[in-house]
Protein backbone atom coordinates (compact mmCIF):
# COMPACT_ATOMS: atom_id res chain seq x y z
CA MET A 1 104.63 74.20 92.27
CA LYS A 2 105.45 71.56 89.93
CA THR A 3 108.89 71.33 88.41
CA ILE A 4 108.64 71.43 85.07
CA THR A 5 111.05 69.04 83.46
CA SER A 6 111.34 66.72 79.65
CA THR A 7 111.90 63.43 79.81
CA THR A 8 114.48 61.81 77.10
CA VAL A 9 116.75 58.92 76.87
CA ASP A 10 120.29 57.92 76.65
CA GLN A 11 121.93 55.07 74.56
CA GLY A 12 121.54 52.47 77.47
CA GLY A 13 118.15 52.85 77.69
CA TYR A 14 117.78 54.83 80.97
CA ALA A 15 115.51 57.98 81.12
CA SER A 16 116.79 61.61 82.52
CA ASN A 17 114.94 64.06 83.40
CA GLU A 18 115.84 67.34 82.41
CA THR A 19 115.33 71.02 84.69
CA ILE A 20 113.74 73.90 83.37
CA SER A 21 117.30 75.25 84.34
CA THR A 22 118.59 74.21 81.61
CA VAL A 23 116.52 76.43 79.65
CA HIS A 24 117.35 79.67 79.04
CA PRO A 25 116.62 82.62 80.85
CA ASP A 26 115.69 84.95 78.09
CA ILE A 27 112.75 82.65 77.37
CA LEU A 28 111.54 81.97 80.89
CA HIS A 29 111.88 85.46 81.38
CA SER A 30 110.34 86.85 77.73
CA HIS A 31 107.76 83.70 77.87
CA ILE A 32 106.40 83.01 81.33
CA LEU A 33 107.72 85.28 84.15
CA THR A 34 106.56 88.43 82.07
CA ARG A 35 103.27 87.07 82.35
CA LEU A 36 102.64 86.02 85.68
CA ASP A 37 101.05 88.56 88.57
CA GLY A 38 102.15 89.24 91.76
CA PRO A 39 101.54 86.46 93.52
CA SER A 40 101.93 83.92 90.65
CA LEU A 41 105.32 85.49 90.78
CA ALA A 42 106.40 85.56 94.19
CA ALA A 43 105.00 82.09 94.14
CA LEU A 44 107.09 81.09 90.88
CA ALA A 45 109.77 82.14 93.20
CA CYS A 46 109.77 79.76 96.40
CA SER A 47 110.22 76.36 94.20
CA SER A 48 114.02 76.08 93.51
CA SER A 49 116.94 78.75 93.95
CA HIS A 50 117.16 79.58 90.14
CA LEU A 51 113.66 80.39 89.60
CA HIS A 52 114.04 82.25 93.27
CA ALA A 53 117.22 84.48 91.48
CA LEU A 54 115.04 85.16 87.91
CA SER A 55 111.85 86.12 89.78
CA SER A 56 113.72 88.51 91.86
CA GLU A 57 114.43 91.08 88.76
CA GLU A 58 113.72 94.13 89.65
CA ASN A 59 111.69 94.73 85.83
CA LEU A 60 109.86 92.41 86.36
CA TRP A 61 108.12 93.53 90.05
CA GLN A 62 108.27 97.14 88.45
CA ASN A 63 106.45 96.22 85.46
CA ILE A 64 103.52 94.39 88.02
CA CYS A 65 103.48 97.50 90.99
CA SER A 66 103.02 99.92 87.42
CA SER A 67 100.15 97.85 86.29
CA THR A 68 98.56 96.97 89.19
CA TRP A 69 98.72 100.66 90.47
CA PRO A 70 99.07 102.83 87.97
CA SER A 71 99.87 105.79 90.36
CA VAL A 72 103.16 104.27 91.71
CA ASN A 73 104.18 105.34 88.42
CA HIS A 74 104.40 108.90 90.02
CA PRO A 75 108.32 110.31 90.10
CA ARG A 76 109.03 110.43 93.23
CA LEU A 77 107.28 107.15 94.23
CA GLN A 78 109.58 105.70 91.40
CA LYS A 79 112.23 107.39 93.24
CA ILE A 80 111.18 106.05 97.03
CA ILE A 81 110.31 102.81 96.56
CA SER A 82 114.42 102.21 94.46
CA ALA A 83 115.65 102.77 98.16
CA PHE A 84 113.18 100.19 99.78
CA PRO A 85 115.87 96.72 100.60
CA SER A 86 114.07 94.96 97.12
CA GLY A 87 112.88 97.84 95.50
CA HIS A 88 109.40 97.08 94.23
CA ARG A 89 109.21 93.63 95.11
CA SER A 90 109.41 94.88 98.75
CA PHE A 91 106.90 97.59 97.36
CA PHE A 92 104.18 94.90 95.97
CA SER A 93 104.95 92.16 99.21
CA ASP A 94 103.87 95.15 101.79
CA ALA A 95 100.91 96.58 99.91
CA PHE A 96 99.14 93.49 98.50
CA PRO A 97 97.76 91.58 101.33
CA PHE A 98 95.38 92.15 104.01
CA LEU A 99 95.99 92.97 107.17
CA ASP A 100 95.61 90.57 110.36
CA LEU A 101 92.16 91.34 112.29
CA GLN A 102 93.95 91.73 115.38
CA PRO A 103 94.62 94.07 117.63
CA LEU A 104 98.50 95.75 117.21
CA LYS A 105 99.81 95.82 120.78
CA LEU A 106 101.63 99.44 120.17
CA ASN A 107 104.20 101.04 122.29
CA VAL A 108 103.77 104.78 121.51
CA ASN A 109 106.69 105.68 123.04
CA SER A 110 109.23 103.52 120.64
CA LEU A 111 106.81 104.73 117.49
CA THR A 112 108.08 107.46 115.79
CA LEU A 113 105.73 109.27 114.13
CA PRO A 114 106.20 110.36 109.79
CA THR A 115 106.17 114.00 109.66
CA GLU A 116 104.58 113.11 105.99
CA LEU A 117 101.97 110.66 104.66
CA ILE A 118 101.87 109.72 100.51
CA SER A 119 98.77 108.29 99.78
CA ALA A 120 98.82 106.32 96.17
CA VAL A 121 95.23 105.86 95.28
CA ASP A 122 93.49 103.61 92.01
CA ILE A 123 90.11 102.67 91.49
CA SER A 124 89.06 100.70 89.15
CA TYR A 125 85.70 99.35 87.00
CA ARG A 126 86.55 95.40 85.68
CA ASN A 127 90.19 96.19 86.22
CA LYS A 128 90.55 98.87 84.00
CA ILE A 129 91.21 102.28 85.95
CA ILE A 130 89.05 105.02 86.27
CA TYR A 131 90.84 106.74 88.60
CA THR A 132 94.11 107.56 90.21
CA LYS A 133 96.15 110.06 92.22
CA VAL A 134 98.90 110.28 94.63
CA GLU A 135 98.29 113.13 97.64
CA GLU A 136 100.79 114.65 99.78
CA MET A 137 100.02 115.32 102.87
CA GLU A 138 102.17 116.90 106.23
CA THR A 139 101.58 115.40 109.01
CA SER A 140 103.64 117.44 112.01
CA SER A 141 101.85 120.49 112.41
CA SER A 142 99.49 120.87 115.35
CA TRP A 143 96.39 121.68 113.49
CA PHE A 144 96.29 117.67 111.50
CA LEU A 145 97.21 116.18 115.36
CA CYS A 146 94.93 117.55 117.18
CA SER A 147 92.18 118.08 114.08
CA PRO A 148 89.54 114.61 113.01
CA PHE A 149 91.32 112.52 110.23
CA ARG A 150 90.46 112.74 107.11
CA VAL A 151 92.26 112.53 103.49
CA ASP A 152 89.81 114.24 100.60
CA LEU A 153 91.55 113.68 97.28
CA LEU A 154 88.87 115.60 95.06
CA ASP A 155 88.05 119.61 95.35
CA PRO A 156 84.75 119.96 96.70
CA LYS A 157 84.24 121.85 93.15
CA ASP A 158 85.54 118.90 91.22
CA SER A 159 84.68 115.23 90.07
CA ALA A 160 85.95 112.41 87.41
CA PRO A 161 83.96 111.21 84.47
CA THR A 162 83.72 107.27 84.62
CA PRO A 163 82.31 104.77 82.20
CA ILE A 164 80.13 103.56 84.03
CA LYS A 165 76.20 104.11 82.79
CA TYR A 166 74.18 106.15 85.85
CA PHE A 167 71.42 104.27 86.63
CA GLY A 168 68.53 105.66 88.50
CA GLY A 169 65.42 103.80 87.66
CA SER A 170 63.33 102.25 90.35
CA ASN A 171 63.18 98.69 89.25
CA LYS A 172 66.67 96.41 89.39
CA VAL A 173 67.75 99.29 91.30
CA ASP A 174 69.03 96.84 93.66
CA THR A 175 70.81 94.38 91.03
CA TRP A 176 72.79 98.24 89.56
CA LEU A 177 73.81 98.32 93.15
CA LYS A 178 75.10 94.64 93.50
CA HIS A 179 77.12 95.16 90.21
CA LEU A 180 78.90 98.15 91.84
CA GLU A 181 79.96 96.00 94.54
CA GLU A 182 81.28 93.56 92.28
CA ASN A 183 82.95 95.16 90.28
CA LEU A 184 84.31 98.52 91.86
CA THR A 185 87.77 97.92 93.76
CA LEU A 186 89.92 100.12 95.27
CA SER A 187 93.50 100.20 96.57
CA TRP A 188 94.56 103.01 99.26
CA ILE A 189 98.57 102.29 99.37
CA VAL A 190 99.13 105.06 102.56
CA ILE A 191 103.68 105.29 102.12
CA ASP A 192 106.21 107.42 104.78
CA PRO A 193 108.70 108.69 102.88
CA SER A 194 111.09 109.18 105.69
CA ARG A 195 111.75 105.24 106.31
CA LYS A 196 113.12 102.94 103.69
CA LYS A 197 110.36 100.18 104.17
CA ALA A 198 107.11 101.55 105.46
CA ALA A 199 104.01 101.01 102.58
CA VAL A 200 101.13 99.57 103.36
CA ASN A 201 97.25 99.53 101.78
CA MET A 202 94.15 100.32 104.12
CA SER A 203 91.80 99.42 101.38
CA SER A 204 89.37 95.70 101.71
CA ARG A 205 90.46 96.48 97.76
CA ARG A 206 86.13 95.24 97.27
CA ALA A 207 84.09 97.22 98.38
CA VAL A 208 81.79 96.85 101.59
CA SER A 209 78.86 98.38 100.96
CA VAL A 210 76.93 100.29 98.16
CA LYS A 211 73.91 102.77 98.68
CA ARG A 212 71.80 105.20 97.03
CA HIS A 213 70.82 107.82 98.80
CA TRP A 214 66.70 108.09 98.71
CA LEU A 215 66.56 111.77 97.97
CA THR A 216 69.62 113.44 95.98
CA GLY A 217 70.51 109.46 94.02
CA ASP A 218 73.90 109.81 95.23
CA VAL A 219 75.95 106.53 95.25
CA GLN A 220 78.16 106.29 98.58
CA VAL A 221 80.88 102.83 97.46
CA ARG A 222 82.73 102.24 101.05
CA PHE A 223 86.12 100.33 101.59
CA GLY A 224 87.03 99.77 104.69
CA MET A 225 89.64 98.02 106.43
CA VAL A 226 89.09 97.30 110.07
CA MET A 227 92.21 96.92 112.25
CA GLY A 228 93.14 96.46 115.85
CA GLY A 229 93.68 99.87 117.39
CA GLY A 230 96.32 99.48 120.26
CA GLY A 231 93.30 100.00 123.79
CA ARG A 232 92.75 97.62 125.77
CA ARG A 233 89.63 94.93 125.18
CA GLY A 234 86.94 95.78 125.64
CA SER A 235 87.78 99.72 125.45
CA SER A 236 86.40 101.54 122.36
CA ARG A 237 89.69 101.88 120.81
CA GLU A 238 90.42 98.10 120.71
CA LEU A 239 89.62 97.99 116.82
CA VAL A 240 88.94 101.15 114.00
CA GLU A 241 88.21 101.45 111.55
CA CYS A 242 89.77 103.12 107.98
CA GLY A 243 86.98 103.78 105.91
CA VAL A 244 87.36 105.34 102.52
CA VAL A 245 84.24 106.63 100.80
CA VAL A 246 83.77 107.13 97.22
CA THR A 247 80.58 109.61 96.40
CA CYS A 248 79.46 109.11 92.88
CA VAL A 249 76.90 111.46 90.77
CA GLY A 250 75.42 111.48 87.40
CA LYS A 251 72.04 111.71 85.58
CA GLU A 252 69.78 108.92 84.07
CA GLY A 253 71.22 107.16 81.49
CA GLY A 254 74.72 109.60 81.62
CA GLU A 255 77.69 108.37 82.64
CA MET A 256 78.09 107.96 86.72
CA HIS A 257 81.09 110.77 87.50
CA VAL A 258 83.03 110.54 90.54
CA ARG A 259 82.53 113.48 93.58
CA GLU A 260 84.44 112.07 96.52
CA VAL A 261 87.07 110.40 97.59
CA SER A 262 87.97 110.09 101.49
CA MET A 263 88.98 108.64 104.15
CA VAL A 264 88.67 109.04 108.04
CA MET A 265 89.10 106.43 110.73
CA GLU A 266 86.74 105.81 113.53
CA ASP A 267 86.38 103.45 116.56
CA MET A 268 84.10 101.08 117.81
CA GLU A 269 81.68 103.96 119.16
CA GLY A 270 81.79 106.17 115.80
CA LYS A 271 84.05 108.72 116.64
CA GLY A 272 86.85 110.47 114.61
CA LEU A 273 90.05 110.22 115.33
CA ASN A 274 92.28 112.93 115.67
CA GLY A 275 95.39 113.30 113.18
CA LYS A 276 97.78 112.27 115.96
CA ASP A 277 95.89 108.95 117.17
CA SER A 278 95.51 107.98 113.88
CA LEU A 279 99.47 108.47 112.67
CA VAL A 280 99.99 106.21 115.47
CA ILE A 281 97.98 103.26 114.63
CA LEU A 282 99.16 103.64 110.76
CA GLU A 283 102.66 103.45 111.73
CA GLY A 284 101.96 100.57 114.10
CA VAL A 285 100.39 98.75 111.38
CA MET A 286 103.99 99.33 109.09
CA GLU A 287 105.85 98.51 111.42
CA ASN A 288 103.37 95.50 113.12
CA GLY A 289 100.85 94.42 111.41
CA ARG A 290 100.50 91.22 110.05
CA ARG A 291 100.12 90.33 106.19
CA LYS A 292 98.03 87.37 104.99
CA LYS A 293 96.56 86.04 101.64
CA GLY A 294 92.53 86.28 101.65
CA ASN A 295 89.75 85.46 98.82
CA GLY A 296 88.60 88.60 98.47
CA ASN A 297 85.44 88.64 100.83
CA GLU A 298 87.33 89.22 104.47
CA GLY A 299 87.03 92.85 103.83
CA LYS A 300 82.73 92.66 103.82
CA GLU A 301 83.13 89.96 106.30
CA ARG A 302 85.41 92.19 109.03
CA TYR A 303 83.31 95.65 108.40
CA GLU A 304 79.75 93.42 108.91
CA GLU A 305 81.48 92.16 112.16
CA PHE A 306 82.80 95.40 112.75
CA GLY A 307 79.39 97.27 112.62
CA GLU A 308 77.32 94.53 114.29
CA ARG A 309 80.12 94.82 117.74
CA LYS A 310 79.35 98.82 117.14
CA ARG A 311 75.60 98.08 117.15
CA GLU A 312 75.86 96.21 120.52
CA ARG A 313 78.22 98.56 122.10
CA LYS A 314 76.07 101.32 121.01
CA GLU A 315 72.97 98.75 122.43
CA ARG A 316 74.76 98.35 125.93
CA ARG A 317 75.55 101.77 126.63
CA GLN A 318 71.63 102.95 126.46
CA ARG A 319 70.78 100.00 128.23
CA LYS A 320 72.88 101.76 130.60
CA GLU A 321 72.29 105.33 129.99
CA ARG A 322 67.95 103.87 130.87
CA ALA A 323 68.93 102.34 134.18
CA LEU A 324 70.48 106.24 135.34
CA ASP A 325 67.69 108.09 133.97
CA LEU A 326 65.87 105.46 135.86
CA VAL A 327 67.95 106.08 139.22
CA CYS A 328 68.07 109.84 138.82
CA ILE A 329 64.05 109.73 138.50
CA SER A 330 63.79 107.29 141.36
CA ILE A 331 65.51 109.49 143.65
CA GLY A 332 63.66 112.49 142.00
CA VAL A 333 60.76 111.41 143.01
CA ALA A 334 61.72 110.12 146.29
CA GLY A 335 63.17 113.24 147.40
CA PHE A 336 59.65 114.84 145.97
CA VAL A 337 57.79 112.62 147.92
CA THR A 338 60.09 113.15 151.26
CA PHE A 339 59.77 116.55 150.94
CA TRP A 340 56.10 117.37 151.41
CA SER A 341 56.02 114.89 153.76
CA ALA A 342 58.19 117.00 155.76
CA MET A 343 55.57 119.86 154.69
CA LEU A 344 52.67 118.16 155.47
CA PHE A 345 53.48 117.04 158.89
CA ARG A 346 55.02 120.17 159.83
C-alpha cells in the first residue's frame, strides 16, 4: 500500500513530505478505518507501525466480524472470542481465509479432542443475510464418537423464509440455478470453546454445485471444503470432504424456503466419517491447517478435483472387482470341467 503524503514548501524553497501520521487518529478512525473490510484493514496494518497500532483496535475488528458473520453476536461467542489472543482480530484471521488443499500430517496421539463444538452459520443472498444460526454440540458421548458425523441446523418440521423467488419453470431453470450459485454464499465457522484460539471456516463460501430434483422440485445448494484426511497417499482418507447442503423448497412465483442445512464428512470412497474421526480432522485443521487468500473459485475447483479423484478410484475398484469375478468364474468353470471329466473316466 502506498503511503499517503501531502507536499508543502518551506521558506527555503525545498519540498518536504508530511506523512499520514500527522493526521489526527480520530479522523483516520472515523473516516477511513471504519469504512474498510477485513482484508483491507489487515493490509493497511502492514504499511507502518503507526497504522498497525490504529488498525488493531478491538472495536474495529468486532464491527467487521459482526457485519461479516451476524451469528458471532451470540453472547456466548462474544465471551469466547474475547479470550482469543487478539480478540476479534484473531478470530477473523482464523475464520476468513481458505484452508489449503494439502493433506495434513496428523499425530492423533498428540491431539486433544474437544468435548464440545460450536457452529456459527450465516447464509447470504446478494450479500444480505437470509439465515443465521448458532449450534452447540456435545462431542464426548460414545454415541457421537461412533455414529456418522452429521450436524443438522433445522428441525424436519421447520423452515426459514427467504426473499428469493422460486422458479420452477422448465424454460429458464438452468439460468435460475446459475443465479443461485453465483449469489448464495454460506459461512460455517466451527469453534472449539475449550481453547483460546481455535476457529475454522469449513465452507467454500460460494456454492460448488446447485441441483434441482426432477420430481420434487427441491433445490440442493452444496458448499464443500476439501482437506487433508491424515491418511497415507493413495488411501481413501488421503483427502476428505466437509460438505454442507442447503435444501430449498417453494412454489412457482412464491418465496423460497430453506428446509434443511446440514454438514457431513466423507472420504474419497463416499463413506461418511464417524464422530471421532471427524473430530480428529477438525482439530488437526484448527491446529495445523494452512490458510491462504483466494479468488472465490477455489472451493468449486477443489470440489471438482475431489469428485474426479472419487470417480477414478471407483472405476479402479470396479475394474478390480470385475477381474476378481472373472478369476472366480474361471476357477469355478475349471473345477466343474475337472469334476465331470473325472466322473466320465471313472
